[in-house]
C-alpha atoms as a PDB file:
ATOM      1  CA  MET A   1     107.281 119.236  82.183  1.00  0.00           C
ATOM      2  CA  ILE A   2     104.970 119.509  85.200  1.00  0.00           C
ATOM      3  CA  GLU A   3     105.751 121.621  88.242  1.00  0.00           C
ATOM      4  CA  VAL A   4     103.448 121.919  91.227  1.00  0.00           C
ATOM      5  CA  GLN A   5     104.142 123.895  94.392  1.00  0.00           C
ATOM      6  CA  ALA A   6     100.763 124.369  96.001  1.00  0.00           C
ATOM      7  CA  ASP A   7      98.693 123.993  99.153  1.00  0.00           C
ATOM      8  CA  LEU A   8      95.054 122.954  99.053  1.00  0.00           C
ATOM      9  CA  LYS A   9      92.440 122.587 101.790  1.00  0.00           C
ATOM     10  CA  ARG A  10      89.188 120.674 101.449  1.00  0.00           C
ATOM     11  CA  GLY A  11      87.315 120.432 104.754  1.00  0.00           C
ATOM     12  CA  ASP A  12      89.645 118.736 107.241  1.00  0.00           C
ATOM     13  CA  PHE A  13      91.941 117.490 104.467  1.00  0.00           C
ATOM     14  CA  ARG A  14      95.091 119.436 103.694  1.00  0.00           C
ATOM     15  CA  LEU A  15      97.304 118.792 100.695  1.00  0.00           C
ATOM     16  CA  LYS A  16     100.838 120.047 100.177  1.00  0.00           C
ATOM     17  CA  ALA A  17     102.376 119.290  96.779  1.00  0.00           C
ATOM     18  CA  ASP A  18     105.949 120.116  95.872  1.00  0.00           C
ATOM     19  CA  PHE A  19     107.344 118.335  92.830  1.00  0.00           C
ATOM     20  CA  ARG A  20     108.743 118.786  89.346  1.00  0.00           C
ATOM     21  CA  ALA A  21     108.711 116.104  86.637  1.00  0.00           C
ATOM     22  CA  GLU A  22     110.035 116.147  83.091  1.00  0.00           C
ATOM     23  CA  ALA A  23     108.211 114.947  79.950  1.00  0.00           C
ATOM     24  CA  GLY A  24     107.179 111.327  79.732  1.00  0.00           C
ATOM     25  CA  VAL A  25     104.915 109.432  82.128  1.00  0.00           C
ATOM     26  CA  THR A  26     104.713 110.931  85.612  1.00  0.00           C
ATOM     27  CA  VAL A  27     102.920 108.631  88.034  1.00  0.00           C
ATOM     28  CA  LEU A  28     101.147 110.016  91.102  1.00  0.00           C
ATOM     29  CA  PHE A  29     101.368 107.012  93.425  1.00  0.00           C
ATOM     30  CA  GLY A  30      99.714 106.495  96.798  1.00  0.00           C
ATOM     31  CA  ARG A  31      96.834 104.957  98.664  1.00  0.00           C
ATOM     32  CA  SER A  32      93.216 105.869  98.042  1.00  0.00           C
ATOM     33  CA  GLY A  33      92.400 109.128  99.825  1.00  0.00           C
ATOM     34  CA  SER A  34      96.007 110.343  99.927  1.00  0.00           C
ATOM     35  CA  GLY A  35      95.348 113.292  97.599  1.00  0.00           C
ATOM     36  CA  LYS A  36      96.337 112.006  94.149  1.00  0.00           C
ATOM     37  CA  THR A  37      93.145 113.054  92.348  1.00  0.00           C
ATOM     38  CA  SER A  38      93.207 116.440  94.071  1.00  0.00           C
ATOM     39  CA  ILE A  39      96.657 117.039  92.556  1.00  0.00           C
ATOM     40  CA  ALA A  40      95.418 115.971  89.117  1.00  0.00           C
ATOM     41  CA  ASN A  41      92.505 118.391  89.499  1.00  0.00           C
ATOM     42  CA  LEU A  42      94.915 121.184  90.474  1.00  0.00           C
ATOM     43  CA  VAL A  43      96.935 120.596  87.311  1.00  0.00           C
ATOM     44  CA  ALA A  44      93.785 120.441  85.169  1.00  0.00           C
ATOM     45  CA  GLY A  45      92.340 123.621  86.678  1.00  0.00           C
ATOM     46  CA  LEU A  46      89.284 121.941  88.165  1.00  0.00           C
ATOM     47  CA  VAL A  47      90.206 123.182  91.652  1.00  0.00           C
ATOM     48  CA  GLN A  48      92.291 126.160  92.769  1.00  0.00           C
ATOM     49  CA  PRO A  49      94.961 126.083  95.474  1.00  0.00           C
ATOM     50  CA  GLU A  50      94.940 128.303  98.546  1.00  0.00           C
ATOM     51  CA  HIS A  51      98.345 129.454  97.408  1.00  0.00           C
ATOM     52  CA  GLY A  52     101.028 128.226  95.054  1.00  0.00           C
ATOM     53  CA  ARG A  53     101.755 127.773  91.371  1.00  0.00           C
ATOM     54  CA  VAL A  54     101.297 125.176  88.633  1.00  0.00           C
ATOM     55  CA  VAL A  55     103.428 124.980  85.479  1.00  0.00           C
ATOM     56  CA  VAL A  56     102.653 122.716  82.495  1.00  0.00           C
ATOM     57  CA  ASN A  57     105.131 122.353  79.632  1.00  0.00           C
ATOM     58  CA  GLY A  58     106.951 125.512  80.678  1.00  0.00           C
ATOM     59  CA  GLU A  59     103.780 127.607  80.837  1.00  0.00           C
ATOM     60  CA  THR A  60     102.505 128.902  84.175  1.00  0.00           C
ATOM     61  CA  VAL A  61      98.786 128.131  84.346  1.00  0.00           C
ATOM     62  CA  CYS A  62      98.245 129.080  87.988  1.00  0.00           C
ATOM     63  CA  ASP A  63     100.086 131.508  90.270  1.00  0.00           C
ATOM     64  CA  THR A  64      98.198 132.770  93.286  1.00  0.00           C
ATOM     65  CA  GLU A  65     100.834 135.393  94.064  1.00  0.00           C
ATOM     66  CA  SER A  66     100.276 137.178  90.758  1.00  0.00           C
ATOM     67  CA  GLY A  67      96.572 136.333  90.560  1.00  0.00           C
ATOM     68  CA  LEU A  68      96.980 134.191  87.439  1.00  0.00           C
ATOM     69  CA  GLU A  69      94.399 131.414  87.038  1.00  0.00           C
ATOM     70  CA  ARG A  70      94.030 130.023  83.532  1.00  0.00           C
ATOM     71  CA  PRO A  71      90.624 128.292  83.246  1.00  0.00           C
ATOM     72  CA  ALA A  72      90.532 124.559  82.641  1.00  0.00           C
ATOM     73  CA  TRP A  73      89.240 124.852  79.087  1.00  0.00           C
ATOM     74  CA  ARG A  74      92.247 126.963  78.075  1.00  0.00           C
ATOM     75  CA  ARG A  75      94.935 124.650  79.495  1.00  0.00           C
ATOM     76  CA  GLN A  76      94.808 122.160  76.602  1.00  0.00           C
ATOM     77  CA  ILE A  77      94.798 119.204  78.972  1.00  0.00           C
ATOM     78  CA  GLY A  78      93.007 115.963  78.169  1.00  0.00           C
ATOM     79  CA  TYR A  79      91.456 114.375  81.265  1.00  0.00           C
ATOM     80  CA  VAL A  80      90.277 110.751  81.418  1.00  0.00           C
ATOM     81  CA  PHE A  81      88.291 110.209  84.603  1.00  0.00           C
ATOM     82  CA  GLN A  82      87.869 106.976  86.549  1.00  0.00           C
ATOM     83  CA  ASP A  83      84.532 106.437  84.817  1.00  0.00           C
ATOM     84  CA  ALA A  84      84.604 106.712  81.027  1.00  0.00           C
ATOM     85  CA  ARG A  85      81.814 109.377  80.848  1.00  0.00           C
ATOM     86  CA  LEU A  86      80.868 108.543  77.267  1.00  0.00           C
ATOM     87  CA  PHE A  87      77.727 109.986  75.689  1.00  0.00           C
ATOM     88  CA  PRO A  88      75.231 107.094  75.535  1.00  0.00           C
ATOM     89  CA  HIS A  89      73.312 108.513  72.545  1.00  0.00           C
ATOM     90  CA  LEU A  90      76.448 108.772  70.357  1.00  0.00           C
ATOM     91  CA  ASN A  91      78.299 105.930  68.664  1.00  0.00           C
ATOM     92  CA  VAL A  92      82.002 105.365  69.293  1.00  0.00           C
ATOM     93  CA  ARG A  93      83.083 107.428  66.286  1.00  0.00           C
ATOM     94  CA  ASP A  94      81.105 110.484  67.413  1.00  0.00           C
ATOM     95  CA  ASN A  95      82.253 110.044  71.020  1.00  0.00           C
ATOM     96  CA  LEU A  96      85.853 110.007  69.809  1.00  0.00           C
ATOM     97  CA  LEU A  97      85.396 113.185  67.776  1.00  0.00           C
ATOM     98  CA  TYR A  98      83.408 115.119  70.377  1.00  0.00           C
ATOM     99  CA  GLY A  99      86.341 116.850  72.084  1.00  0.00           C
ATOM    100  CA  ALA A 100      88.139 117.577  68.808  1.00  0.00           C
ATOM    101  CA  ARG A 101      85.047 119.244  67.355  1.00  0.00           C
ATOM    102  CA  ARG A 102      84.515 121.371  70.462  1.00  0.00           C
ATOM    103  CA  ARG A 103      88.136 122.544  70.373  1.00  0.00           C
ATOM    104  CA  GLY A 104      88.035 123.203  66.653  1.00  0.00           C
ATOM    105  CA  VAL A 105      90.722 120.703  65.688  1.00  0.00           C
ATOM    106  CA  VAL A 106      90.886 121.016  61.894  1.00  0.00           C
ATOM    107  CA  ALA A 107      91.884 117.477  60.902  1.00  0.00           C
ATOM    108  CA  PRO A 108      91.612 115.105  63.873  1.00  0.00           C
ATOM    109  CA  ARG A 109      93.846 112.040  63.489  1.00  0.00           C
ATOM    110  CA  ILE A 110      91.042 109.596  64.086  1.00  0.00           C
ATOM    111  CA  ASP A 111      92.546 106.785  61.977  1.00  0.00           C
ATOM    112  CA  THR A 112      95.829 107.010  63.892  1.00  0.00           C
ATOM    113  CA  VAL A 113      94.095 107.009  67.265  1.00  0.00           C
ATOM    114  CA  VAL A 114      91.729 104.188  66.310  1.00  0.00           C
ATOM    115  CA  ASP A 115      94.702 102.101  65.230  1.00  0.00           C
ATOM    116  CA  LEU A 116      96.689 102.971  68.366  1.00  0.00           C
ATOM    117  CA  LEU A 117      93.845 101.919  70.669  1.00  0.00           C
ATOM    118  CA  GLY A 118      92.535  98.977  68.661  1.00  0.00           C
ATOM    119  CA  LEU A 119      89.039 100.384  68.117  1.00  0.00           C
ATOM    120  CA  GLU A 120      88.581  99.494  64.434  1.00  0.00           C
ATOM    121  CA  GLY A 121      85.666  97.164  65.075  1.00  0.00           C
ATOM    122  CA  GLN A 122      83.763  99.377  67.515  1.00  0.00           C
ATOM    123  CA  LEU A 123      83.271 102.664  65.628  1.00  0.00           C
ATOM    124  CA  GLU A 124      79.542 102.183  64.984  1.00  0.00           C
ATOM    125  CA  GLN A 125      78.734 100.728  68.402  1.00  0.00           C
ATOM    126  CA  ARG A 126      76.989 102.571  71.226  1.00  0.00           C
ATOM    127  CA  PRO A 127      78.680 102.793  74.667  1.00  0.00           C
ATOM    128  CA  ALA A 128      76.168 100.408  76.249  1.00  0.00           C
ATOM    129  CA  THR A 129      77.504  97.567  74.075  1.00  0.00           C
ATOM    130  CA  LEU A 130      81.190  98.100  75.002  1.00  0.00           C
ATOM    131  CA  SER A 131      83.193  96.212  77.595  1.00  0.00           C
ATOM    132  CA  GLY A 132      84.751  98.187  80.418  1.00  0.00           C
ATOM    133  CA  GLY A 133      88.154  98.045  78.734  1.00  0.00           C
ATOM    134  CA  GLU A 134      86.758  99.212  75.402  1.00  0.00           C
ATOM    135  CA  ALA A 135      84.938 102.125  77.045  1.00  0.00           C
ATOM    136  CA  ARG A 136      88.162 103.269  78.752  1.00  0.00           C
ATOM    137  CA  ARG A 137      90.006 103.115  75.425  1.00  0.00           C
ATOM    138  CA  VAL A 138      87.318 105.245  73.775  1.00  0.00           C
ATOM    139  CA  ALA A 139      87.626 107.804  76.577  1.00  0.00           C
ATOM    140  CA  ILE A 140      91.407 107.905  76.113  1.00  0.00           C
ATOM    141  CA  GLY A 141      90.974 108.262  72.353  1.00  0.00           C
ATOM    142  CA  ARG A 142      88.526 111.148  72.774  1.00  0.00           C
ATOM    143  CA  ALA A 143      91.059 112.958  74.958  1.00  0.00           C
ATOM    144  CA  LEU A 144      93.891 112.318  72.489  1.00  0.00           C
ATOM    145  CA  LEU A 145      91.935 113.648  69.520  1.00  0.00           C
ATOM    146  CA  SER A 146      91.552 117.009  71.251  1.00  0.00           C
ATOM    147  CA  GLU A 147      95.353 117.336  70.766  1.00  0.00           C
ATOM    148  CA  PRO A 148      96.235 117.956  74.429  1.00  0.00           C
ATOM    149  CA  LYS A 149      99.600 119.227  75.618  1.00  0.00           C
ATOM    150  CA  LEU A 150      99.196 116.914  78.629  1.00  0.00           C
ATOM    151  CA  LEU A 151      97.030 113.838  79.188  1.00  0.00           C
ATOM    152  CA  ILE A 152      95.775 113.055  82.701  1.00  0.00           C
ATOM    153  CA  LEU A 153      94.697 109.471  83.340  1.00  0.00           C
ATOM    154  CA  ASP A 154      92.987 109.099  86.734  1.00  0.00           C
ATOM    155  CA  GLU A 155      93.003 105.422  87.762  1.00  0.00           C
ATOM    156  CA  PRO A 156      92.164 104.297  84.184  1.00  0.00           C
ATOM    157  CA  LEU A 157      92.090 100.619  85.200  1.00  0.00           C
ATOM    158  CA  SER A 158      90.017 101.116  88.349  1.00  0.00           C
ATOM    159  CA  GLY A 159      87.041  98.791  88.542  1.00  0.00           C
ATOM    160  CA  LEU A 160      88.180  96.558  85.681  1.00  0.00           C
ATOM    161  CA  ASP A 161      88.541  92.827  86.255  1.00  0.00           C
ATOM    162  CA  GLY A 162      91.792  90.987  85.595  1.00  0.00           C
ATOM    163  CA  ALA A 163      91.004  90.170  81.976  1.00  0.00           C
ATOM    164  CA  ARG A 164      90.034  93.768  81.118  1.00  0.00           C
ATOM    165  CA  ARG A 165      93.180  95.098  82.840  1.00  0.00           C
ATOM    166  CA  VAL A 166      95.348  92.741  80.793  1.00  0.00           C
ATOM    167  CA  GLU A 167      93.464  93.859  77.674  1.00  0.00           C
ATOM    168  CA  ILE A 168      94.110  97.590  78.127  1.00  0.00           C
ATOM    169  CA  LEU A 169      97.670  97.637  79.536  1.00  0.00           C
ATOM    170  CA  PRO A 170      99.400  97.077  76.164  1.00  0.00           C
ATOM    171  CA  TYR A 171      97.557 100.108  74.785  1.00  0.00           C
ATOM    172  CA  LEU A 172      98.806 102.177  77.719  1.00  0.00           C
ATOM    173  CA  ASP A 173     102.337 100.943  76.977  1.00  0.00           C
ATOM    174  CA  GLU A 174     102.050 102.187  73.397  1.00  0.00           C
ATOM    175  CA  LEU A 175     100.490 105.450  74.522  1.00  0.00           C
ATOM    176  CA  ALA A 176     103.397 106.008  76.911  1.00  0.00           C
ATOM    177  CA  ARG A 177     105.857 105.572  74.024  1.00  0.00           C
ATOM    178  CA  SER A 178     104.095 107.575  71.327  1.00  0.00           C
ATOM    179  CA  GLY A 179     101.567 109.879  72.976  1.00  0.00           C
ATOM    180  CA  PRO A 180     101.759 113.269  74.710  1.00  0.00           C
ATOM    181  CA  PRO A 181     103.210 113.683  78.226  1.00  0.00           C
ATOM    182  CA  ILE A 182     101.052 111.812  80.737  1.00  0.00           C
ATOM    183  CA  LEU A 183     100.148 112.419  84.376  1.00  0.00           C
ATOM    184  CA  TYR A 184      99.016 108.977  85.566  1.00  0.00           C
ATOM    185  CA  VAL A 185      97.171 108.495  88.854  1.00  0.00           C
ATOM    186  CA  THR A 186      97.263 105.051  90.471  1.00  0.00           C
ATOM    187  CA  HIS A 187      97.591 103.111  93.704  1.00  0.00           C
ATOM    188  CA  ALA A 188      98.592  99.905  91.869  1.00  0.00           C
ATOM    189  CA  VAL A 189     102.222  98.809  92.078  1.00  0.00           C
ATOM    190  CA  ASP A 190     102.140  96.945  88.751  1.00  0.00           C
ATOM    191  CA  GLU A 191     100.874  99.989  86.829  1.00  0.00           C
ATOM    192  CA  ALA A 192     103.442 102.327  88.383  1.00  0.00           C
ATOM    193  CA  ALA A 193     106.323  99.903  87.869  1.00  0.00           C
ATOM    194  CA  ARG A 194     105.332  99.204  84.302  1.00  0.00           C
ATOM    195  CA  LEU A 195     104.567 102.711  83.015  1.00  0.00           C
ATOM    196  CA  ALA A 196     106.371 105.346  85.070  1.00  0.00           C
ATOM    197  CA  ASP A 197     109.315 107.384  83.887  1.00  0.00           C
ATOM    198  CA  GLU A 198     109.157 109.358  87.115  1.00  0.00           C
ATOM    199  CA  MET A 199     107.142 108.808  90.286  1.00  0.00           C
ATOM    200  CA  VAL A 200     105.655 111.306  92.684  1.00  0.00           C
ATOM    201  CA  LEU A 201     104.761 109.760  96.033  1.00  0.00           C
ATOM    202  CA  VAL A 202     101.575 110.999  97.679  1.00  0.00           C
ATOM    203  CA  VAL A 203     101.429 110.072 101.355  1.00  0.00           C
ATOM    204  CA  ASP A 204      98.827 111.496 103.738  1.00  0.00           C
ATOM    205  CA  GLY A 205      98.435 114.733 101.812  1.00  0.00           C
ATOM    206  CA  GLN A 206     102.139 115.218 101.079  1.00  0.00           C
ATOM    207  CA  ALA A 207     103.336 114.916  97.459  1.00  0.00           C
ATOM    208  CA  PHE A 208     107.025 114.899  96.582  1.00  0.00           C
ATOM    209  CA  ASN A 209     109.460 113.729  93.918  1.00  0.00           C
ATOM    210  CA  ALA A 210     110.692 110.167  94.295  1.00  0.00           C
ATOM    211  CA  GLY A 211     112.535 109.635  90.995  1.00  0.00           C
ATOM    212  CA  PRO A 212     112.341 106.684  88.585  1.00  0.00           C
ATOM    213  CA  PRO A 213     110.600 103.486  89.768  1.00  0.00           C
ATOM    214  CA  ASP A 214     113.765 101.676  90.875  1.00  0.00           C
ATOM    215  CA  ARG A 215     114.628 104.487  93.285  1.00  0.00           C
ATOM    216  CA  ALA A 216     111.057 105.371  94.238  1.00  0.00           C
ATOM    217  CA  PHE A 217     110.075 101.885  95.372  1.00  0.00           C
ATOM    218  CA  ALA A 218     113.249 101.614  97.448  1.00  0.00           C
ATOM    219  CA  ARG A 219     111.939 104.366  99.721  1.00  0.00           C
ATOM    220  CA  SER A 220     110.132 103.482 102.928  1.00  0.00           C
ATOM    221  CA  GLU A 221     107.358 105.955 102.030  1.00  0.00           C
ATOM    222  CA  ALA A 222     106.568 103.910  98.905  1.00  0.00           C
ATOM    223  CA  THR A 223     106.169 100.772 100.993  1.00  0.00           C
ATOM    224  CA  ASP A 224     103.732 102.626 103.246  1.00  0.00           C
ATOM    225  CA  ALA A 225     101.923 104.239 100.307  1.00  0.00           C
ATOM    226  CA  ALA A 226     101.346 100.883  98.641  1.00  0.00           C
ATOM    227  CA  GLY A 227     100.542  98.944 101.794  1.00  0.00           C
ATOM    228  CA  LEU A 228     103.287  96.470 100.925  1.00  0.00           C
ATOM    229  CA  GLY A 229     104.492  93.734 103.263  1.00  0.00           C
ATOM    230  CA  ALA A 230     108.067  94.417 102.167  1.00  0.00           C
ATOM    231  CA  PRO A 231     109.907  96.758  99.791  1.00  0.00           C
ATOM    232  CA  ILE A 232     110.113  95.891  96.121  1.00  0.00           C
ATOM    233  CA  SER A 233     112.890  96.414  93.600  1.00  0.00           C
ATOM    234  CA  VAL A 234     112.346  97.417  89.980  1.00  0.00           C
ATOM    235  CA  LEU A 235     114.990  96.208  87.526  1.00  0.00           C
ATOM    236  CA  GLU A 236     115.102  97.446  83.954  1.00  0.00           C
ATOM    237  CA  GLY A 237     116.892  95.948  80.987  1.00  0.00           C
ATOM    238  CA  GLN A 238     116.677  94.728  77.412  1.00  0.00           C
ATOM    239  CA  ALA A 239     115.555  91.312  76.255  1.00  0.00           C
ATOM    240  CA  LEU A 240     118.247  89.172  74.647  1.00  0.00           C
ATOM    241  CA  ALA A 241     117.759  86.311  72.174  1.00  0.00           C
ATOM    242  CA  GLU A 242     116.373  83.303  74.025  1.00  0.00           C
ATOM    243  CA  GLY A 243     118.718  80.865  72.333  1.00  0.00           C
ATOM    244  CA  GLY A 244     116.061  78.179  72.098  1.00  0.00           C
ATOM    245  CA  GLY A 245     115.613  77.857  75.858  1.00  0.00           C
ATOM    246  CA  PRO A 246     112.371  78.110  77.832  1.00  0.00           C
ATOM    247  CA  VAL A 247     113.365  81.457  79.381  1.00  0.00           C
ATOM    248  CA  THR A 248     113.823  85.055  78.405  1.00  0.00           C
ATOM    249  CA  VAL A 249     117.234  86.484  79.216  1.00  0.00           C
ATOM    250  CA  VAL A 250     117.280  90.159  80.180  1.00  0.00           C
ATOM    251  CA  ASP A 251     120.431  92.266  80.115  1.00  0.00           C
ATOM    252  CA  LEU A 252     120.337  94.597  83.134  1.00  0.00           C
ATOM    253  CA  GLY A 253     123.379  96.525  81.964  1.00  0.00           C
ATOM    254  CA  GLY A 254     126.072  93.916  82.289  1.00  0.00           C
ATOM    255  CA  THR A 255     124.185  91.347  84.363  1.00  0.00           C
ATOM    256  CA  GLN A 256     121.948  88.699  82.832  1.00  0.00           C
ATOM    257  CA  PHE A 257     118.608  87.957  84.500  1.00  0.00           C
ATOM    258  CA  HIS A 258     116.391  84.985  83.617  1.00  0.00           C
ATOM    259  CA  THR A 259     112.589  85.159  83.566  1.00  0.00           C
ATOM    260  CA  PRO A 260     109.904  82.823  82.234  1.00  0.00           C
ATOM    261  CA  PRO A 261     109.287  83.291  78.483  1.00  0.00           C
ATOM    262  CA  LEU A 262     108.086  86.751  77.435  1.00  0.00           C
ATOM    263  CA  ALA A 263     106.415  87.661  74.153  1.00  0.00           C
ATOM    264  CA  ILE A 264     109.018  90.260  73.259  1.00  0.00           C
ATOM    265  CA  THR A 265     111.545  90.719  70.479  1.00  0.00           C
ATOM    266  CA  PRO A 266     115.262  90.949  71.286  1.00  0.00           C
ATOM    267  CA  GLY A 267     116.164  94.497  72.279  1.00  0.00           C
ATOM    268  CA  GLY A 268     112.739  95.242  73.761  1.00  0.00           C
ATOM    269  CA  ARG A 269     112.529  96.929  77.149  1.00  0.00           C
ATOM    270  CA  VAL A 270     111.659  94.777  80.153  1.00  0.00           C
ATOM    271  CA  ARG A 271     110.943  95.858  83.715  1.00  0.00           C
ATOM    272  CA  ILE A 272     111.172  93.251  86.454  1.00  0.00           C
ATOM    273  CA  VAL A 273     109.585  93.648  89.887  1.00  0.00           C
ATOM    274  CA  VAL A 274     111.074  91.659  92.761  1.00  0.00           C
ATOM    275  CA  ASP A 275     109.708  91.455  96.318  1.00  0.00           C
ATOM    276  CA  ALA A 276     112.422  91.767  98.981  1.00  0.00           C
ATOM    277  CA  ARG A 277     111.140  88.535 100.578  1.00  0.00           C
ATOM    278  CA  ASP A 278     112.007  86.674  97.370  1.00  0.00           C
ATOM    279  CA  VAL A 279     115.682  87.661  97.393  1.00  0.00           C
ATOM    280  CA  ALA A 280     118.041  85.341  99.282  1.00  0.00           C
ATOM    281  CA  VAL A 281     121.627  86.273 100.112  1.00  0.00           C
ATOM    282  CA  ALA A 282     124.540  83.826  99.955  1.00  0.00           C
ATOM    283  CA  LEU A 283     128.281  84.178 100.330  1.00  0.00           C
ATOM    284  CA  THR A 284     128.884  81.933  97.299  1.00  0.00           C
ATOM    285  CA  ALA A 285     126.693  80.721  94.434  1.00  0.00           C
ATOM    286  CA  PRO A 286     125.163  77.339  95.347  1.00  0.00           C
ATOM    287  CA  ALA A 287     126.095  74.471  93.041  1.00  0.00           C
ATOM    288  CA  ASP A 288     122.800  72.612  93.378  1.00  0.00           C
ATOM    289  CA  ALA A 289     119.779  74.888  93.700  1.00  0.00           C
ATOM    290  CA  SER A 290     116.653  75.809  91.759  1.00  0.00           C
ATOM    291  CA  PHE A 291     117.510  79.520  91.657  1.00  0.00           C
ATOM    292  CA  GLN A 292     118.065  80.563  88.051  1.00  0.00           C
ATOM    293  CA  ASN A 293     119.430  83.945  89.049  1.00  0.00           C
ATOM    294  CA  ALA A 294     122.657  84.051  91.078  1.00  0.00           C
ATOM    295  CA  LEU A 295     123.750  87.671  90.798  1.00  0.00           C
ATOM    296  CA  GLY A 296     127.038  88.991  92.069  1.00  0.00           C
ATOM    297  CA  ALA A 297     126.438  92.009  94.289  1.00  0.00           C
ATOM    298  CA  ARG A 298     127.855  94.118  97.098  1.00  0.00           C
ATOM    299  CA  VAL A 299     126.129  94.991 100.362  1.00  0.00           C
ATOM    300  CA  GLU A 300     125.553  98.750 100.314  1.00  0.00           C
ATOM    301  CA  ALA A 301     123.555  99.228 103.507  1.00  0.00           C
ATOM    302  CA  ILE A 302     121.717  97.348 106.241  1.00  0.00           C
ATOM    303  CA  THR A 303     118.671  98.870 107.898  1.00  0.00           C
ATOM    304  CA  PRO A 304     116.283  97.486 110.531  1.00  0.00           C
ATOM    305  CA  ALA A 305     112.759  96.467 109.561  1.00  0.00           C
ATOM    306  CA  SER A 306     109.805  95.360 111.649  1.00  0.00           C
ATOM    307  CA  ASP A 307     110.384  91.700 110.757  1.00  0.00           C
ATOM    308  CA  GLY A 308     114.125  91.531 110.075  1.00  0.00           C
ATOM    309  CA  LEU A 309     116.816  93.478 108.289  1.00  0.00           C
ATOM    310  CA  LEU A 310     116.717  95.109 104.861  1.00  0.00           C
ATOM    311  CA  ILE A 311     119.889  94.428 102.894  1.00  0.00           C
ATOM    312  CA  GLN A 312     120.547  96.932 100.101  1.00  0.00           C
ATOM    313  CA  LEU A 313     122.473  95.234  97.323  1.00  0.00           C
ATOM    314  CA  GLU A 314     124.122  96.734  94.266  1.00  0.00           C
ATOM    315  CA  GLY A 315     125.513  94.873  91.262  1.00  0.00           C
ATOM    316  CA  GLN A 316     126.451  95.654  87.717  1.00  0.00           C
ATOM    317  CA  GLY A 317     123.418  97.466  86.296  1.00  0.00           C
ATOM    318  CA  PHE A 318     120.985  96.741  89.143  1.00  0.00           C
ATOM    319  CA  ARG A 319     119.965  97.412  92.736  1.00  0.00           C
ATOM    320  CA  LEU A 320     118.070  94.912  94.868  1.00  0.00           C
ATOM    321  CA  THR A 321     116.627  94.875  98.370  1.00  0.00           C
ATOM    322  CA  SER A 322     116.558  91.658 100.376  1.00  0.00           C
ATOM    323  CA  LEU A 323     114.639  91.059 103.605  1.00  0.00           C
ATOM    324  CA  VAL A 324     116.443  88.592 105.906  1.00  0.00           C
ATOM    325  CA  THR A 325     116.208  87.681 109.561  1.00  0.00           C
ATOM    326  CA  SER A 326     118.708  89.185 111.961  1.00  0.00           C
ATOM    327  CA  GLN A 327     119.880  85.640 112.738  1.00  0.00           C
ATOM    328  CA  ALA A 328     120.673  84.990 109.072  1.00  0.00           C
ATOM    329  CA  ALA A 329     122.533  88.294 108.760  1.00  0.00           C
ATOM    330  CA  GLU A 330     124.558  87.489 111.861  1.00  0.00           C
ATOM    331  CA  ARG A 331     125.377  83.966 110.661  1.00  0.00           C
ATOM    332  CA  LEU A 332     126.575  85.283 107.281  1.00  0.00           C
ATOM    333  CA  GLU A 333     128.351  88.218 108.972  1.00  0.00           C
ATOM    334  CA  LEU A 334     126.729  90.610 106.521  1.00  0.00           C
ATOM    335  CA  ARG A 335     128.173  94.120 106.531  1.00  0.00           C
ATOM    336  CA  PRO A 336     128.433  97.047 104.093  1.00  0.00           C
ATOM    337  CA  GLY A 337     131.083  96.428 101.455  1.00  0.00           C
ATOM    338  CA  LEU A 338     130.822  92.630 101.612  1.00  0.00           C
ATOM    339  CA  GLU A 339     130.685  90.832  98.237  1.00  0.00           C
ATOM    340  CA  VAL A 340     127.747  88.408  98.134  1.00  0.00           C
ATOM    341  CA  VAL A 341     125.459  86.567  95.722  1.00  0.00           C
ATOM    342  CA  ALA A 342     121.801  87.559  95.399  1.00  0.00           C
ATOM    343  CA  LEU A 343     119.585  84.561  94.648  1.00  0.00           C
ATOM    344  CA  VAL A 344     116.235  85.160  92.919  1.00  0.00           C
ATOM    345  CA  LYS A 345     113.818  82.605  91.493  1.00  0.00           C
ATOM    346  CA  ALA A 346     112.806  83.411  87.927  1.00  0.00           C
ATOM    347  CA  THR A 347     109.197  82.538  88.761  1.00  0.00           C
ATOM    348  CA  ALA A 348     109.116  84.883  91.757  1.00  0.00           C
ATOM    349  CA  THR A 349     109.319  87.982  89.586  1.00  0.00           C
ATOM    350  CA  ALA A 350     106.651  90.025  87.824  1.00  0.00           C
ATOM    351  CA  ARG A 351     107.664  90.965  84.281  1.00  0.00           C
ATOM    352  CA  TYR A 352     106.415  93.905  82.237  1.00  0.00           C
ATOM    353  CA  ALA A 353     107.582  93.873  78.652  1.00  0.00           C
END
């Protein structure tokens, strides 16, 4: 559990954080310069607030009212910075063990961590010979071997090209499932949608709870924080058997959703990200159309947007947002409570298995 209620001032920049998140992966999400790293540094003890308190795993580590300020080295927090910060004169094995040795960890689980992060073939290499993705994995492994109560990952994919990002994301998936609680800093929609259990939105120096990804990305502040052209929806379900077809079928909790084939076993978790501009609304399911997803839904709300109307839709096991023109809404006589069909192309979605 992480709880932050604190104010911080750095020059002309003021930060006000007020959030509480349970164990799992908490994502600090917002644009560059919004204050995400400052919050991570508050939690880690690298900076002190003007006033407020910080609680990690039920233990108060900072409380300005009582004068409590536990130093960073006593907070048992592993911090992976945007740059890997490996020691160039040490091989990978010694870099991995550095933090554990300094903290006096008796029997560091190096074999487990090496297996988790896929570093078996790099143990004798020096940092200069590693790819960017490999260096980030070594930095994460070094933090894990110090047996932290919380792991902070500050933009761990920043600066990596597309291939290196694809390389490291599966390791972050596994870390999220089997590692310690994580505070994950990012401005990338795909990382937040894929990894977050809970999201904290950071907008212009204000940080507040936003809930799980499906609810967080439905908020207007998330659209602003991400610089999105339209809201996105995050759907979560379990992969079903493909039945020999060229698609993966995902059960959203009573509604089946079709995506292009995913390398995932039946029962595996899938998150689907859908842009509001890729959701069409119909009164009945079309008989002849390329849409593979015709989902029964109900109009929950209609709100104005700069380029149309946002239609909030709710079906069995899912929520979707559709962006339509006011003319289309008028022609269909859309109104709250109306039963409709949400049409989504399978190929228009981003899938994170």
